[in-house]
Amino acid sequence: MNFTMAPAGNPAAPLARRNPVAKLGAALLFTLPLIATVDPLTPALALLVELAVLPLFGVSYATAGRRSLPLLTAAAGILVTMVLFAAERTGPLLVGLGPFDITTGVLMSALGLILRIFAVALPGVIVFATTDPTDLADALVQNAKVPPRFAIGALAAFRLLPLLGAEWQLLTLARRARGVDAGRNPVARVRLFGATAFALLVGAMRRGGRLAVAMDARGFDSGHPRTYARKQSFTRADALLMAGAAALAAVTIATTVALGLFRPILG
């Protein structure tokens, strides 16, 4: 288990220099319309746009691919779920597996959901690959007027995420040193995984409690106005980034509607 949260993009890239709130807002504006449709074309077009703007954010395709690898597990889960439990099995039959007939309609529905997951997640990957977490927390408080209690608490939790990977490895090595090993037994592997995950959860809760006490002791919730070492400015270029994201989302939806392939999620 490994969590890589450090920025990996080129900070000198044109769009990587934009305000963190602007990048986060642009990601939300571009991906929210994808929830309104279940057709595969809309997320496919959105993915093409996202891949086209990756160089403008200074993020390499290799970096984006590595950080999107966990989505493959979700994609496989969606495919299996649709094959097993799809209510509508329209279209020509491709493979007959008893009660689980795989038709073109089932595969198109699964493809639409899988593409949507990647299209919605990739902007988040871009934002966090080009943004320092401290800058994001400061921008949320200064520009988006988010309560400091929430923003600083989220920043602390975000900073502690990489420790989970190191602690998981430490717990695994400690159990192995005591002779606790599942070997090739799948049932024992599941039980060992559950026990290790529970120990990790307990450790995380204890660390969170200590961190909360330490932050209170340092006056993080004193109610007095705070000062910030990093001034975050929201400029016209940041507003243009958000407007451009909204315009691209509208063009994507309009293209699907014009081609007659728009399938609204409601109705």
C-alpha atoms as a PDB file:
ATOM      1  CA  MET A   1       0.000   0.000   0.000  1.00  0.00           C
ATOM      2  CA  ASN A   2       1.471   3.310  -1.095  1.00  0.00           C
ATOM      3  CA  PHE A   3       0.081   6.852  -1.223  1.00  0.00           C
ATOM      4  CA  THR A   4       1.931   9.381  -3.373  1.00  0.00           C
ATOM      5  CA  MET A   5       0.506  12.823  -2.725  1.00  0.00           C
ATOM      6  CA  ALA A   6       3.391  15.113  -3.689  1.00  0.00           C
ATOM      7  CA  PRO A   7       2.920  17.348  -6.757  1.00  0.00           C
ATOM      8  CA  ALA A   8       4.446  15.773  -9.850  1.00  0.00           C
ATOM      9  CA  GLY A   9       3.767  18.321 -12.554  1.00  0.00           C
ATOM     10  CA  ASN A  10       5.961  21.041 -13.990  1.00  0.00           C
ATOM     11  CA  PRO A  11       5.221  24.157 -11.867  1.00  0.00           C
ATOM     12  CA  ALA A  12       6.291  26.421 -14.733  1.00  0.00           C
ATOM     13  CA  ALA A  13       3.582  25.118 -17.090  1.00  0.00           C
ATOM     14  CA  PRO A  14       0.995  27.750 -18.150  1.00  0.00           C
ATOM     15  CA  LEU A  15      -2.027  26.265 -16.351  1.00  0.00           C
ATOM     16  CA  ALA A  16      -0.061  24.775 -13.450  1.00  0.00           C
ATOM     17  CA  ARG A  17       0.618  28.323 -12.218  1.00  0.00           C
ATOM     18  CA  ARG A  18      -3.066  29.121 -11.824  1.00  0.00           C
ATOM     19  CA  ASN A  19      -4.726  29.583  -8.439  1.00  0.00           C
ATOM     20  CA  PRO A  20      -5.532  26.251  -6.722  1.00  0.00           C
ATOM     21  CA  VAL A  21      -9.176  27.272  -6.252  1.00  0.00           C
ATOM     22  CA  ALA A  22      -9.428  28.077  -9.962  1.00  0.00           C
ATOM     23  CA  LYS A  23      -8.034  24.669 -10.914  1.00  0.00           C
ATOM     24  CA  LEU A  24     -10.360  22.907  -8.496  1.00  0.00           C
ATOM     25  CA  GLY A  25     -13.347  24.928  -9.696  1.00  0.00           C
ATOM     26  CA  ALA A  26     -12.480  24.247 -13.341  1.00  0.00           C
ATOM     27  CA  ALA A  27     -12.321  20.512 -12.617  1.00  0.00           C
ATOM     28  CA  LEU A  28     -15.755  20.611 -10.978  1.00  0.00           C
ATOM     29  CA  LEU A  29     -17.314  22.694 -13.754  1.00  0.00           C
ATOM     30  CA  PHE A  30     -15.971  20.370 -16.430  1.00  0.00           C
ATOM     31  CA  THR A  31     -16.947  17.088 -14.774  1.00  0.00           C
ATOM     32  CA  LEU A  32     -20.349  17.898 -13.254  1.00  0.00           C
ATOM     33  CA  PRO A  33     -22.197  17.759 -16.631  1.00  0.00           C
ATOM     34  CA  LEU A  34     -20.887  14.210 -17.127  1.00  0.00           C
ATOM     35  CA  ILE A  35     -23.205  13.048 -14.357  1.00  0.00           C
ATOM     36  CA  ALA A  36     -26.263  14.069 -16.394  1.00  0.00           C
ATOM     37  CA  THR A  37     -25.829  11.421 -19.098  1.00  0.00           C
ATOM     38  CA  VAL A  38     -25.130   7.690 -19.339  1.00  0.00           C
ATOM     39  CA  ASP A  39     -23.998   7.510 -22.963  1.00  0.00           C
ATOM     40  CA  PRO A  40     -20.348   6.563 -23.648  1.00  0.00           C
ATOM     41  CA  LEU A  41     -19.688   9.381 -26.134  1.00  0.00           C
ATOM     42  CA  THR A  42     -19.839  12.275 -23.658  1.00  0.00           C
ATOM     43  CA  PRO A  43     -17.161  10.913 -21.282  1.00  0.00           C
ATOM     44  CA  ALA A  44     -15.085   9.788 -24.271  1.00  0.00           C
ATOM     45  CA  LEU A  45     -15.053  13.344 -25.633  1.00  0.00           C
ATOM     46  CA  ALA A  46     -14.303  14.675 -22.150  1.00  0.00           C
ATOM     47  CA  LEU A  47     -11.351  12.308 -21.849  1.00  0.00           C
ATOM     48  CA  LEU A  48      -9.977  13.498 -25.186  1.00  0.00           C
ATOM     49  CA  VAL A  49     -10.167  17.106 -23.987  1.00  0.00           C
ATOM     50  CA  GLU A  50      -8.485  16.239 -20.676  1.00  0.00           C
ATOM     51  CA  LEU A  51      -5.671  14.358 -22.382  1.00  0.00           C
ATOM     52  CA  ALA A  52      -5.189  17.247 -24.802  1.00  0.00           C
ATOM     53  CA  VAL A  53      -4.713  19.801 -21.988  1.00  0.00           C
ATOM     54  CA  LEU A  54      -2.373  17.632 -19.894  1.00  0.00           C
ATOM     55  CA  PRO A  55       0.789  19.240 -21.365  1.00  0.00           C
ATOM     56  CA  LEU A  56      -0.596  22.693 -20.502  1.00  0.00           C
ATOM     57  CA  PHE A  57      -0.652  21.647 -16.848  1.00  0.00           C
ATOM     58  CA  GLY A  58       2.877  20.225 -17.051  1.00  0.00           C
ATOM     59  CA  VAL A  59       1.726  16.680 -16.258  1.00  0.00           C
ATOM     60  CA  SER A  60       3.217  13.894 -18.347  1.00  0.00           C
ATOM     61  CA  TYR A  61       1.032  11.113 -19.678  1.00  0.00           C
ATOM     62  CA  ALA A  62       3.132   8.575 -17.768  1.00  0.00           C
ATOM     63  CA  THR A  63       2.486  10.383 -14.478  1.00  0.00           C
ATOM     64  CA  ALA A  64      -1.240  10.622 -15.153  1.00  0.00           C
ATOM     65  CA  GLY A  65      -1.310   6.932 -16.044  1.00  0.00           C
ATOM     66  CA  ARG A  66       0.474   5.878 -12.860  1.00  0.00           C
ATOM     67  CA  ARG A  67      -1.818   7.925 -10.666  1.00  0.00           C
ATOM     68  CA  SER A  68      -4.899   6.563 -12.446  1.00  0.00           C
ATOM     69  CA  LEU A  69      -3.964   2.900 -12.026  1.00  0.00           C
ATOM     70  CA  PRO A  70      -6.334   2.358  -9.040  1.00  0.00           C
ATOM     71  CA  LEU A  71      -9.218   3.207 -11.378  1.00  0.00           C
ATOM     72  CA  LEU A  72      -8.600  -0.041 -13.260  1.00  0.00           C
ATOM     73  CA  THR A  73      -9.900  -1.952 -10.246  1.00  0.00           C
ATOM     74  CA  ALA A  74     -13.079   0.122 -10.280  1.00  0.00           C
ATOM     75  CA  ALA A  75     -13.435  -0.436 -14.031  1.00  0.00           C
ATOM     76  CA  ALA A  76     -13.131  -4.207 -13.621  1.00  0.00           C
ATOM     77  CA  GLY A  77     -15.716  -4.136 -10.824  1.00  0.00           C
ATOM     78  CA  ILE A  78     -18.169  -2.202 -12.975  1.00  0.00           C
ATOM     79  CA  LEU A  79     -17.739  -4.613 -15.882  1.00  0.00           C
ATOM     80  CA  VAL A  80     -18.347  -7.673 -13.704  1.00  0.00           C
ATOM     81  CA  THR A  81     -21.324  -6.038 -11.996  1.00  0.00           C
ATOM     82  CA  MET A  82     -22.953  -5.083 -15.278  1.00  0.00           C
ATOM     83  CA  VAL A  83     -22.445  -8.564 -16.716  1.00  0.00           C
ATOM     84  CA  LEU A  84     -23.965 -10.210 -13.662  1.00  0.00           C
ATOM     85  CA  PHE A  85     -26.715  -7.810 -12.612  1.00  0.00           C
ATOM     86  CA  ALA A  86     -27.688  -5.640 -15.595  1.00  0.00           C
ATOM     87  CA  ALA A  87     -31.483  -5.282 -15.672  1.00  0.00           C
ATOM     88  CA  GLU A  88     -31.702  -4.512 -19.396  1.00  0.00           C
ATOM     89  CA  ARG A  89     -29.862  -6.814 -21.811  1.00  0.00           C
ATOM     90  CA  THR A  90     -30.749  -5.192 -25.118  1.00  0.00           C
ATOM     91  CA  GLY A  91     -28.952  -5.563 -28.398  1.00  0.00           C
ATOM     92  CA  PRO A  92     -27.518  -8.608 -30.189  1.00  0.00           C
ATOM     93  CA  LEU A  93     -26.282 -11.472 -28.022  1.00  0.00           C
ATOM     94  CA  LEU A  94     -22.490 -11.776 -27.956  1.00  0.00           C
ATOM     95  CA  VAL A  95     -21.837 -14.464 -25.347  1.00  0.00           C
ATOM     96  CA  GLY A  96     -24.361 -16.688 -23.607  1.00  0.00           C
ATOM     97  CA  LEU A  97     -23.438 -17.650 -20.034  1.00  0.00           C
ATOM     98  CA  GLY A  98     -26.659 -19.204 -18.850  1.00  0.00           C
ATOM     99  CA  PRO A  99     -28.732 -16.475 -17.162  1.00  0.00           C
ATOM    100  CA  PHE A 100     -25.929 -13.957 -17.729  1.00  0.00           C
ATOM    101  CA  ASP A 101     -26.267 -13.060 -21.388  1.00  0.00           C
ATOM    102  CA  ILE A 102     -23.626 -10.592 -22.549  1.00  0.00           C
ATOM    103  CA  THR A 103     -25.199  -8.319 -25.139  1.00  0.00           C
ATOM    104  CA  THR A 104     -24.028  -5.196 -26.914  1.00  0.00           C
ATOM    105  CA  GLY A 105     -26.345  -3.123 -24.717  1.00  0.00           C
ATOM    106  CA  VAL A 106     -24.704  -4.445 -21.551  1.00  0.00           C
ATOM    107  CA  LEU A 107     -21.214  -3.724 -22.864  1.00  0.00           C
ATOM    108  CA  MET A 108     -22.177  -0.217 -24.015  1.00  0.00           C
ATOM    109  CA  SER A 109     -23.649   0.581 -20.599  1.00  0.00           C
ATOM    110  CA  ALA A 110     -20.523  -0.755 -18.883  1.00  0.00           C
ATOM    111  CA  LEU A 111     -18.300   1.192 -21.284  1.00  0.00           C
ATOM    112  CA  GLY A 112     -20.197   4.399 -20.553  1.00  0.00           C
ATOM    113  CA  LEU A 113     -19.782   3.965 -16.788  1.00  0.00           C
ATOM    114  CA  ILE A 114     -16.094   3.059 -17.064  1.00  0.00           C
ATOM    115  CA  LEU A 115     -15.314   6.017 -19.306  1.00  0.00           C
ATOM    116  CA  ARG A 116     -17.250   8.274 -16.936  1.00  0.00           C
ATOM    117  CA  ILE A 117     -15.135   7.162 -13.968  1.00  0.00           C
ATOM    118  CA  PHE A 118     -11.923   7.995 -15.811  1.00  0.00           C
ATOM    119  CA  ALA A 119     -13.315  11.276 -17.161  1.00  0.00           C
ATOM    120  CA  VAL A 120     -14.427  12.411 -13.703  1.00  0.00           C
ATOM    121  CA  ALA A 121     -11.278  11.264 -11.893  1.00  0.00           C
ATOM    122  CA  LEU A 122      -8.623  12.552 -14.316  1.00  0.00           C
ATOM    123  CA  PRO A 123      -9.247  16.268 -13.593  1.00  0.00           C
ATOM    124  CA  GLY A 124      -8.736  15.506  -9.900  1.00  0.00           C
ATOM    125  CA  VAL A 125      -5.480  13.770 -10.742  1.00  0.00           C
ATOM    126  CA  ILE A 126      -4.398  16.851 -12.703  1.00  0.00           C
ATOM    127  CA  VAL A 127      -5.309  19.239  -9.867  1.00  0.00           C
ATOM    128  CA  PHE A 128      -3.446  17.351  -7.155  1.00  0.00           C
ATOM    129  CA  ALA A 129      -0.476  16.623  -9.420  1.00  0.00           C
ATOM    130  CA  THR A 130       0.042  20.352  -9.962  1.00  0.00           C
ATOM    131  CA  THR A 131      -0.942  21.801  -6.579  1.00  0.00           C
ATOM    132  CA  ASP A 132       0.861  21.913  -3.262  1.00  0.00           C
ATOM    133  CA  PRO A 133      -1.593  20.903  -0.500  1.00  0.00           C
ATOM    134  CA  THR A 134      -0.647  23.900   1.649  1.00  0.00           C
ATOM    135  CA  ASP A 135      -1.319  26.269  -1.263  1.00  0.00           C
ATOM    136  CA  LEU A 136      -4.693  24.607  -1.809  1.00  0.00           C
ATOM    137  CA  ALA A 137      -5.697  25.001   1.858  1.00  0.00           C
ATOM    138  CA  ASP A 138      -4.556  28.650   1.890  1.00  0.00           C
ATOM    139  CA  ALA A 139      -6.440  29.387  -1.334  1.00  0.00           C
ATOM    140  CA  LEU A 140      -9.622  27.755  -0.043  1.00  0.00           C
ATOM    141  CA  VAL A 141      -9.550  29.995   3.025  1.00  0.00           C
ATOM    142  CA  GLN A 142      -8.439  33.205   1.303  1.00  0.00           C
ATOM    143  CA  ASN A 143     -10.315  32.978  -2.014  1.00  0.00           C
ATOM    144  CA  ALA A 144     -13.204  30.549  -1.476  1.00  0.00           C
ATOM    145  CA  LYS A 145     -13.851  31.692   2.134  1.00  0.00           C
ATOM    146  CA  VAL A 146     -13.839  28.120   3.426  1.00  0.00           C
ATOM    147  CA  PRO A 147     -13.781  27.969   7.270  1.00  0.00           C
ATOM    148  CA  PRO A 148     -10.141  27.669   8.429  1.00  0.00           C
ATOM    149  CA  ARG A 149     -11.084  24.862  10.823  1.00  0.00           C
ATOM    150  CA  PHE A 150     -12.172  22.687   7.905  1.00  0.00           C
ATOM    151  CA  ALA A 151      -9.382  23.677   5.516  1.00  0.00           C
ATOM    152  CA  ILE A 152      -6.526  23.229   7.990  1.00  0.00           C
ATOM    153  CA  GLY A 153      -7.980  19.984   9.313  1.00  0.00           C
ATOM    154  CA  ALA A 154      -8.280  18.632   5.768  1.00  0.00           C
ATOM    155  CA  LEU A 155      -4.699  19.706   5.059  1.00  0.00           C
ATOM    156  CA  ALA A 156      -3.458  17.878   8.163  1.00  0.00           C
ATOM    157  CA  ALA A 157      -5.320  14.720   7.128  1.00  0.00           C
ATOM    158  CA  PHE A 158      -3.998  15.033   3.580  1.00  0.00           C
ATOM    159  CA  ARG A 159      -0.434  15.360   4.845  1.00  0.00           C
ATOM    160  CA  LEU A 160      -0.827  12.228   6.990  1.00  0.00           C
ATOM    161  CA  LEU A 161      -2.064  10.018   4.140  1.00  0.00           C
ATOM    162  CA  PRO A 162       1.438   8.961   2.979  1.00  0.00           C
ATOM    163  CA  LEU A 163       2.107   7.657   6.492  1.00  0.00           C
ATOM    164  CA  LEU A 164      -0.577   5.008   6.023  1.00  0.00           C
ATOM    165  CA  GLY A 165       1.510   3.226   3.404  1.00  0.00           C
ATOM    166  CA  ALA A 166       4.603   3.188   5.606  1.00  0.00           C
ATOM    167  CA  GLU A 167       2.602   2.033   8.625  1.00  0.00           C
ATOM    168  CA  TRP A 168       0.963  -0.759   6.603  1.00  0.00           C
ATOM    169  CA  GLN A 169       4.396  -2.067   5.599  1.00  0.00           C
ATOM    170  CA  LEU A 170       5.578  -1.800   9.216  1.00  0.00           C
ATOM    171  CA  LEU A 171       2.586  -3.779  10.493  1.00  0.00           C
ATOM    172  CA  THR A 172       3.077  -6.423   7.809  1.00  0.00           C
ATOM    173  CA  LEU A 173       6.775  -6.844   8.620  1.00  0.00           C
ATOM    174  CA  ALA A 174       6.074  -6.942  12.361  1.00  0.00           C
ATOM    175  CA  ARG A 175       3.484  -9.708  11.952  1.00  0.00           C
ATOM    176  CA  ARG A 176       5.816 -11.650   9.670  1.00  0.00           C
ATOM    177  CA  ALA A 177       8.630 -11.349  12.230  1.00  0.00           C
ATOM    178  CA  ARG A 178       6.305 -12.931  14.805  1.00  0.00           C
ATOM    179  CA  GLY A 179       5.549 -15.801  12.438  1.00  0.00           C
ATOM    180  CA  VAL A 180       2.105 -14.577  11.373  1.00  0.00           C
ATOM    181  CA  ASP A 181       1.977 -15.286   7.653  1.00  0.00           C
ATOM    182  CA  ALA A 182      -0.928 -16.433   5.490  1.00  0.00           C
ATOM    183  CA  GLY A 183       1.228 -18.291   2.981  1.00  0.00           C
ATOM    184  CA  ARG A 184      -0.846 -19.440   0.010  1.00  0.00           C
ATOM    185  CA  ASN A 185      -4.081 -19.902   1.945  1.00  0.00           C
ATOM    186  CA  PRO A 186      -6.623 -17.414   0.486  1.00  0.00           C
ATOM    187  CA  VAL A 187      -8.865 -17.563   3.573  1.00  0.00           C
ATOM    188  CA  ALA A 188      -5.914 -16.826   5.846  1.00  0.00           C
ATOM    189  CA  ARG A 189      -4.898 -13.960   3.552  1.00  0.00           C
ATOM    190  CA  VAL A 190      -8.337 -12.364   3.903  1.00  0.00           C
ATOM    191  CA  ARG A 191      -8.278 -12.758   7.684  1.00  0.00           C
ATOM    192  CA  LEU A 192      -4.746 -11.332   7.893  1.00  0.00           C
ATOM    193  CA  PHE A 193      -5.721  -8.423   5.670  1.00  0.00           C
ATOM    194  CA  GLY A 194      -8.700  -7.631   7.908  1.00  0.00           C
ATOM    195  CA  ALA A 195      -6.587  -7.783  11.065  1.00  0.00           C
ATOM    196  CA  THR A 196      -3.905  -5.556   9.572  1.00  0.00           C
ATOM    197  CA  ALA A 197      -6.485  -3.066   8.318  1.00  0.00           C
ATOM    198  CA  PHE A 198      -8.087  -2.924  11.781  1.00  0.00           C
ATOM    199  CA  ALA A 199      -4.704  -2.286  13.403  1.00  0.00           C
ATOM    200  CA  LEU A 200      -4.031   0.449  10.839  1.00  0.00           C
ATOM    201  CA  LEU A 201      -7.415   2.039  11.603  1.00  0.00           C
ATOM    202  CA  VAL A 202      -6.762   2.023  15.347  1.00  0.00           C
ATOM    203  CA  GLY A 203      -3.341   3.600  14.856  1.00  0.00           C
ATOM    204  CA  ALA A 204      -4.783   6.256  12.547  1.00  0.00           C
ATOM    205  CA  MET A 205      -7.502   7.173  15.072  1.00  0.00           C
ATOM    206  CA  ARG A 206      -4.943   7.492  17.877  1.00  0.00           C
ATOM    207  CA  ARG A 207      -2.690   9.640  15.715  1.00  0.00           C
ATOM    208  CA  GLY A 208      -5.654  11.797  14.729  1.00  0.00           C
ATOM    209  CA  GLY A 209      -6.561  12.348  18.368  1.00  0.00           C
ATOM    210  CA  ARG A 210      -3.013  13.365  19.260  1.00  0.00           C
ATOM    211  CA  LEU A 211      -2.878  15.691  16.261  1.00  0.00           C
ATOM    212  CA  ALA A 212      -6.186  17.349  17.243  1.00  0.00           C
ATOM    213  CA  VAL A 213      -4.934  17.992  20.787  1.00  0.00           C
ATOM    214  CA  ALA A 214      -1.652  19.391  19.445  1.00  0.00           C
ATOM    215  CA  MET A 215      -3.457  21.710  17.015  1.00  0.00           C
ATOM    216  CA  ASP A 216      -5.779  22.982  19.751  1.00  0.00           C
ATOM    217  CA  ALA A 217      -2.771  23.591  22.003  1.00  0.00           C
ATOM    218  CA  ARG A 218      -1.236  25.741  19.253  1.00  0.00           C
ATOM    219  CA  GLY A 219      -4.366  27.851  18.898  1.00  0.00           C
ATOM    220  CA  PHE A 220      -5.662  26.565  15.571  1.00  0.00           C
ATOM    221  CA  ASP A 221      -9.247  26.956  16.812  1.00  0.00           C
ATOM    222  CA  SER A 222      -8.840  30.047  18.960  1.00  0.00           C
ATOM    223  CA  GLY A 223     -11.315  32.106  16.917  1.00  0.00           C
ATOM    224  CA  HIS A 224      -8.829  34.917  16.299  1.00  0.00           C
ATOM    225  CA  PRO A 225      -8.082  36.065  12.721  1.00  0.00           C
ATOM    226  CA  ARG A 226      -5.226  34.136  11.150  1.00  0.00           C
ATOM    227  CA  THR A 227      -2.388  35.371   8.988  1.00  0.00           C
ATOM    228  CA  TYR A 228      -0.923  33.450   6.054  1.00  0.00           C
ATOM    229  CA  ALA A 229       2.639  33.214   4.854  1.00  0.00           C
ATOM    230  CA  ARG A 230       1.521  32.450   1.289  1.00  0.00           C
ATOM    231  CA  LYS A 231      -0.714  35.054  -0.301  1.00  0.00           C
ATOM    232  CA  GLN A 232      -3.071  33.486  -2.859  1.00  0.00           C
ATOM    233  CA  SER A 233      -4.402  35.864  -5.530  1.00  0.00           C
ATOM    234  CA  PHE A 234      -7.347  35.091  -7.791  1.00  0.00           C
ATOM    235  CA  THR A 235      -6.658  36.865 -11.092  1.00  0.00           C
ATOM    236  CA  ARG A 236      -8.456  37.321 -14.393  1.00  0.00           C
ATOM    237  CA  ALA A 237      -6.516  34.396 -15.856  1.00  0.00           C
ATOM    238  CA  ASP A 238      -7.937  32.178 -13.112  1.00  0.00           C
ATOM    239  CA  ALA A 239     -11.463  33.295 -13.941  1.00  0.00           C
ATOM    240  CA  LEU A 240     -10.791  32.593 -17.628  1.00  0.00           C
ATOM    241  CA  LEU A 241      -9.645  29.068 -16.738  1.00  0.00           C
ATOM    242  CA  MET A 242     -12.953  28.360 -14.999  1.00  0.00           C
ATOM    243  CA  ALA A 243     -14.941  29.944 -17.827  1.00  0.00           C
ATOM    244  CA  GLY A 244     -13.021  27.878 -20.381  1.00  0.00           C
ATOM    245  CA  ALA A 245     -13.736  24.664 -18.461  1.00  0.00           C
ATOM    246  CA  ALA A 246     -17.464  25.483 -18.382  1.00  0.00           C
ATOM    247  CA  ALA A 247     -17.440  26.274 -22.107  1.00  0.00           C
ATOM    248  CA  LEU A 248     -15.668  23.016 -22.970  1.00  0.00           C
ATOM    249  CA  ALA A 249     -18.185  21.067 -20.887  1.00  0.00           C
ATOM    250  CA  ALA A 250     -21.053  22.765 -22.727  1.00  0.00           C
ATOM    251  CA  VAL A 251     -19.467  22.000 -26.116  1.00  0.00           C
ATOM    252  CA  THR A 252     -19.014  18.349 -25.121  1.00  0.00           C
ATOM    253  CA  ILE A 253     -22.659  17.980 -24.125  1.00  0.00           C
ATOM    254  CA  ALA A 254     -23.842  19.905 -27.199  1.00  0.00           C
ATOM    255  CA  THR A 255     -21.828  17.626 -29.495  1.00  0.00           C
ATOM    256  CA  THR A 256     -23.440  14.533 -28.024  1.00  0.00           C
ATOM    257  CA  VAL A 257     -26.912  16.082 -28.325  1.00  0.00           C
ATOM    258  CA  ALA A 258     -26.274  17.136 -31.937  1.00  0.00           C
ATOM    259  CA  LEU A 259     -25.251  13.591 -32.849  1.00  0.00           C
ATOM    260  CA  GLY A 260     -28.421  12.232 -31.249  1.00  0.00           C
ATOM    261  CA  LEU A 261     -26.550  10.046 -28.759  1.00  0.00           C
ATOM    262  CA  PHE A 262     -27.365  11.940 -25.565  1.00  0.00           C
ATOM    263  CA  ARG A 263     -28.943   9.637 -22.966  1.00  0.00           C
ATOM    264  CA  PRO A 264     -30.035  11.591 -19.875  1.00  0.00           C
ATOM    265  CA  ILE A 265     -29.680   9.774 -16.585  1.00  0.00           C
ATOM    266  CA  LEU A 266     -33.195  10.887 -15.633  1.00  0.00           C
ATOM    267  CA  GLY A 267     -35.985  10.203 -18.089  1.00  0.00           C
END
